[in-house]
Protein backbone atom coordinates (compact mmCIF):
# COMPACT_ATOMS: atom_id res chain seq x y z
CA MET A 1 34.41 51.47 -98.15
CA GLU A 2 36.84 50.63 -95.51
CA LYS A 3 40.17 49.28 -97.39
CA VAL A 4 41.12 45.77 -96.19
CA ILE A 5 44.15 45.54 -97.85
CA ASN A 6 46.31 47.89 -99.62
CA ILE A 7 49.51 46.78 -101.83
CA GLN A 8 51.79 49.24 -102.78
CA HIS A 9 55.08 48.48 -104.94
CA LEU A 10 55.03 44.93 -104.21
CA SER A 11 57.83 43.45 -106.36
CA LYS A 12 58.99 39.85 -106.00
CA SER A 13 62.03 38.30 -107.61
CA PHE A 14 63.21 34.68 -107.67
CA GLY A 15 67.19 35.41 -108.32
CA THR A 16 67.25 37.16 -111.47
CA HIS A 17 63.63 36.65 -112.44
CA GLU A 18 61.31 39.60 -111.92
CA VAL A 19 58.01 37.90 -111.47
CA LEU A 20 56.10 40.76 -109.59
CA LYS A 21 56.67 44.64 -110.88
CA ASP A 22 55.50 47.47 -108.90
CA ILE A 23 52.15 46.15 -108.03
CA ASP A 24 49.31 48.52 -106.54
CA PHE A 25 46.07 47.40 -105.87
CA SER A 26 43.46 47.26 -102.77
CA VAL A 27 40.57 45.43 -101.71
CA ASN A 28 37.94 46.79 -99.63
CA THR A 29 35.61 45.31 -97.23
CA GLY A 30 32.90 42.82 -98.60
CA GLU A 31 34.65 43.51 -102.08
CA VAL A 32 35.28 40.50 -104.73
CA VAL A 33 38.44 40.95 -106.65
CA CYS A 34 39.13 38.49 -109.64
CA VAL A 35 42.54 38.33 -110.70
CA ILE A 36 43.06 37.03 -114.63
CA GLY A 37 45.61 36.44 -117.11
CA SER A 38 47.84 33.61 -118.47
CA SER A 39 49.88 31.28 -117.00
CA GLY A 40 53.02 32.79 -115.79
CA SER A 41 51.88 36.56 -115.61
CA GLY A 42 52.32 36.56 -111.63
CA LYS A 43 48.60 35.79 -110.40
CA SER A 44 49.41 33.02 -108.10
CA THR A 45 52.77 34.86 -106.95
CA LEU A 46 51.12 37.89 -106.10
CA LEU A 47 48.16 35.61 -104.05
CA ARG A 48 51.12 34.03 -101.96
CA CYS A 49 52.69 37.24 -101.38
CA VAL A 50 49.42 38.62 -99.97
CA ASN A 51 49.23 36.39 -97.32
CA LEU A 52 53.12 36.08 -97.27
CA LEU A 53 53.84 32.00 -98.35
CA GLU A 54 56.24 34.02 -100.57
CA LYS A 55 58.07 36.88 -99.13
CA PRO A 56 57.88 40.13 -101.44
CA SER A 57 61.26 41.39 -102.19
CA GLY A 58 60.03 45.15 -101.99
CA GLY A 59 57.05 47.46 -101.44
CA GLU A 60 54.21 47.38 -98.68
CA ILE A 61 51.20 44.88 -97.80
CA ILE A 62 48.97 47.95 -95.82
CA TYR A 63 46.70 45.66 -93.85
CA LYS A 64 44.28 47.75 -91.70
CA GLY A 65 46.56 50.76 -91.60
CA GLU A 66 50.01 49.06 -90.69
CA ASN A 67 52.42 47.68 -93.37
CA ILE A 68 53.00 44.05 -92.25
CA LEU A 69 56.12 43.71 -93.96
CA ASP A 70 57.60 46.13 -91.13
CA ASP A 71 59.95 43.60 -89.17
CA LYS A 72 58.00 44.22 -85.98
CA HIS A 73 54.88 43.03 -87.29
CA ASP A 74 53.16 39.68 -86.21
CA ILE A 75 53.15 37.77 -89.18
CA PHE A 76 51.41 34.92 -87.99
CA ALA A 77 48.47 37.01 -86.48
CA TYR A 78 48.32 38.80 -90.08
CA ARG A 79 47.78 35.17 -91.45
CA THR A 80 45.19 34.12 -89.21
CA LYS A 81 42.94 36.93 -90.79
CA LEU A 82 43.42 35.11 -94.22
CA GLY A 83 41.58 32.40 -95.42
CA MET A 84 43.72 30.42 -98.18
CA VAL A 85 42.11 28.01 -100.80
CA PHE A 86 44.72 26.14 -102.80
CA GLN A 87 44.44 24.34 -106.36
CA GLN A 88 45.45 21.29 -104.87
CA PHE A 89 42.99 21.01 -101.60
CA ASN A 90 45.94 20.96 -99.42
CA LEU A 91 43.47 18.70 -96.74
CA PHE A 92 45.09 16.49 -93.98
CA ASN A 93 44.48 12.80 -95.41
CA ASN A 94 44.65 11.37 -92.14
CA TYR A 95 42.14 13.45 -90.58
CA ASN A 96 38.19 13.09 -91.32
CA VAL A 97 36.41 15.98 -92.80
CA LEU A 98 35.02 17.52 -89.61
CA SER A 99 38.83 17.45 -88.12
CA ASN A 100 40.05 18.95 -90.78
CA CYS A 101 37.96 22.10 -90.26
CA VAL A 102 38.35 21.83 -86.41
CA VAL A 103 42.21 21.25 -85.88
CA GLY A 104 43.27 24.85 -86.99
CA GLN A 105 40.71 26.40 -85.01
CA MET A 106 41.79 24.49 -82.00
CA LYS A 107 45.46 25.18 -82.40
CA VAL A 108 45.58 29.00 -84.04
CA LEU A 109 42.52 30.36 -82.82
CA LYS A 110 42.34 28.48 -78.92
CA ARG A 111 39.03 27.72 -79.69
CA SER A 112 37.93 24.44 -76.96
CA LYS A 113 36.60 21.35 -79.20
CA GLU A 114 33.31 21.90 -78.90
CA GLU A 115 33.29 25.85 -79.90
CA ALA A 116 35.60 24.69 -83.18
CA GLU A 117 33.10 21.74 -84.06
CA LYS A 118 30.05 23.84 -83.83
CA VAL A 119 31.89 26.24 -86.23
CA ALA A 120 33.11 23.79 -88.27
CA MET A 121 29.54 22.42 -88.90
CA LYS A 122 28.53 25.86 -89.49
CA TYR A 123 30.62 26.40 -92.39
CA LEU A 124 30.41 22.45 -93.81
CA MET A 125 26.80 23.21 -93.99
CA VAL A 126 27.13 26.73 -96.24
CA VAL A 127 29.23 24.57 -98.80
CA GLY A 128 27.04 21.55 -98.61
CA MET A 129 29.41 18.72 -97.03
CA GLU A 130 27.73 18.70 -93.59
CA GLN A 131 26.80 14.97 -94.37
CA TYR A 132 30.45 13.91 -94.73
CA VAL A 133 31.59 14.78 -91.60
CA ASN A 134 33.50 11.31 -91.05
CA ALA A 135 34.80 10.94 -94.41
CA LYS A 136 38.06 11.09 -95.01
CA PRO A 137 40.05 12.89 -98.02
CA LYS A 138 40.36 10.00 -100.13
CA GLN A 139 36.85 9.13 -99.85
CA LEU A 140 35.84 12.45 -101.67
CA SER A 141 35.43 13.53 -105.18
CA GLY A 142 37.79 16.57 -106.08
CA GLY A 143 34.76 18.82 -105.77
CA GLN A 144 33.98 17.52 -102.67
CA LYS A 145 37.33 18.30 -101.05
CA GLN A 146 37.54 21.72 -102.63
CA ARG A 147 34.39 22.65 -100.70
CA VAL A 148 35.72 20.92 -97.37
CA ALA A 149 39.04 23.25 -97.96
CA ILE A 150 36.31 26.04 -98.00
CA ALA A 151 34.38 25.35 -95.54
CA ARG A 152 37.86 24.63 -93.55
CA ALA A 153 39.33 28.50 -94.22
CA LEU A 154 35.61 29.91 -93.48
CA SER A 155 36.14 28.32 -89.88
CA MET A 156 39.10 30.27 -89.14
CA GLU A 157 36.35 33.40 -89.65
CA PRO A 158 39.12 35.36 -91.67
CA ASP A 159 38.53 38.60 -92.94
CA VAL A 160 39.48 37.95 -96.30
CA MET A 161 39.18 34.50 -98.51
CA LEU A 162 42.11 34.22 -100.79
CA PHE A 163 41.35 31.48 -103.29
CA ASP A 164 44.12 30.39 -105.88
CA GLU A 165 42.71 28.53 -109.12
CA PRO A 166 40.47 26.81 -106.88
CA THR A 167 38.94 24.86 -110.12
CA SER A 168 41.99 24.11 -111.74
CA ALA A 169 42.43 20.49 -110.92
CA LEU A 170 39.19 19.55 -110.67
CA ASP A 171 37.19 17.29 -113.53
CA PRO A 172 35.10 19.66 -115.59
CA GLU A 173 31.76 18.19 -114.28
CA MET A 174 32.85 19.06 -110.42
CA VAL A 175 33.77 22.71 -111.66
CA GLY A 176 30.26 23.67 -111.20
CA GLU A 177 29.61 22.77 -107.69
CA VAL A 178 32.72 24.30 -106.71
CA LEU A 179 31.80 27.89 -108.34
CA LYS A 180 28.25 27.51 -107.00
CA VAL A 181 29.65 27.87 -103.31
CA MET A 182 32.00 30.44 -104.30
CA LYS A 183 29.15 32.50 -105.75
CA GLU A 184 27.36 32.28 -102.93
CA LEU A 185 30.16 33.43 -100.79
CA ALA A 186 30.70 36.26 -103.07
CA GLN A 187 26.65 37.48 -102.75
CA SER A 188 26.92 36.91 -98.73
CA GLY A 189 29.37 40.03 -98.75
CA LEU A 190 32.79 37.94 -97.89
CA THR A 191 35.75 39.81 -98.64
CA MET A 192 37.43 37.75 -101.81
CA ILE A 193 40.44 37.88 -103.90
CA ILE A 194 40.12 35.35 -106.26
CA VAL A 195 42.83 34.19 -109.09
CA THR A 196 40.78 32.24 -111.67
CA HIS A 197 40.76 31.07 -115.49
CA GLU A 198 36.81 30.80 -115.22
CA MET A 199 36.02 33.97 -117.09
CA ALA A 200 32.24 33.59 -117.05
CA PHE A 201 32.64 33.06 -113.40
CA ALA A 202 35.00 36.33 -112.99
CA LYS A 203 32.42 38.27 -114.99
CA GLU A 204 29.12 37.33 -112.90
CA VAL A 205 30.79 37.73 -109.39
CA SER A 206 33.13 40.07 -109.40
CA ASP A 207 33.09 43.87 -108.27
CA ARG A 208 36.45 44.63 -109.89
CA VAL A 209 38.55 42.78 -112.34
CA ILE A 210 42.49 42.93 -112.41
CA PHE A 211 44.27 41.54 -115.71
CA MET A 212 47.72 41.05 -115.02
CA ASP A 213 50.26 40.34 -117.93
CA LYS A 214 54.21 39.65 -117.62
CA GLY A 215 54.29 40.51 -113.58
CA VAL A 216 52.46 43.79 -113.81
CA ILE A 217 48.75 44.89 -113.69
CA ALA A 218 48.05 45.64 -117.16
CA GLU A 219 44.61 46.94 -116.86
CA GLU A 220 41.74 46.71 -113.80
CA GLY A 221 38.17 47.78 -113.70
CA SER A 222 34.47 46.55 -113.66
CA PRO A 223 33.67 43.20 -115.17
CA GLU A 224 31.69 45.02 -117.48
CA GLN A 225 34.54 47.59 -118.66
CA ILE A 226 37.46 44.50 -118.57
CA PHE A 227 35.13 42.13 -120.56
CA ASN A 228 32.83 44.18 -123.04
CA ASN A 229 35.47 47.21 -123.48
CA PRO A 230 39.02 46.71 -122.51
CA THR A 231 41.22 49.62 -123.32
CA GLU A 232 44.52 47.90 -123.37
CA GLU A 233 45.62 45.85 -126.61
CA ARG A 234 47.27 42.93 -124.60
CA THR A 235 43.75 42.57 -122.47
CA LYS A 236 41.67 42.20 -125.70
CA GLU A 237 44.38 39.50 -127.31
CA PHE A 238 44.07 37.61 -123.64
CA LEU A 239 40.50 37.47 -124.01
CA GLN A 240 40.38 36.88 -127.12
CA ARG A 241 42.50 33.77 -126.88
CA THR A 242 40.92 32.76 -123.58
CA LEU A 243 36.93 33.20 -124.90
CA LYS A 244 37.87 31.18 -128.24
CA GLN A 245 38.51 28.24 -126.07
CA MET A 246 35.54 28.30 -123.94
């Protein structure tokens, strides 16, 4: 298995507050890694450090054999290899669905409008939103917006897709439609890092689960091991608490 991203001794502080401490983990091509943990454990910050929306305070992020935190590295080029899906969709409200999926391709990947639209349509069909190409975001439900956001990220044809709690801003009845799309993507062999509080989903789609607590990786392993047989006391406590609420 080829390692796409290999993170070593990653740390992140905001002022005196250390949010991430000595994080080590890697993601292989075609692997689905779910990151779980309570609020404030550092999950989203970790994801934002991976795609350099936050600059790590220390450590290395090795992408295809090179440390992208070296000064000589082209951060912009690296970012185009990562698709990011946010909690709040982050769609351009003044653009319709198709344009939302086209603009980045044209601007960043320098694709022609025709080519960009073809690629966008392909991924809008993947997420089941092809009939909404002319709709503006305000005409869509939360679940539909998130599916468009996924199509937009896929249209850049990234090496890795990052999802930051993609269902946390959705009404309960819309969560299923987004998780269904993500499940299909996982089965298609896409490399994915998913921060999620949907435990049943994490258990079903992950190749590996990472449990974070207070800025460190407290435990990682297969879904079976983490959910059915965790070794760390704090993993057990977190799962008992979370599964009780379900």
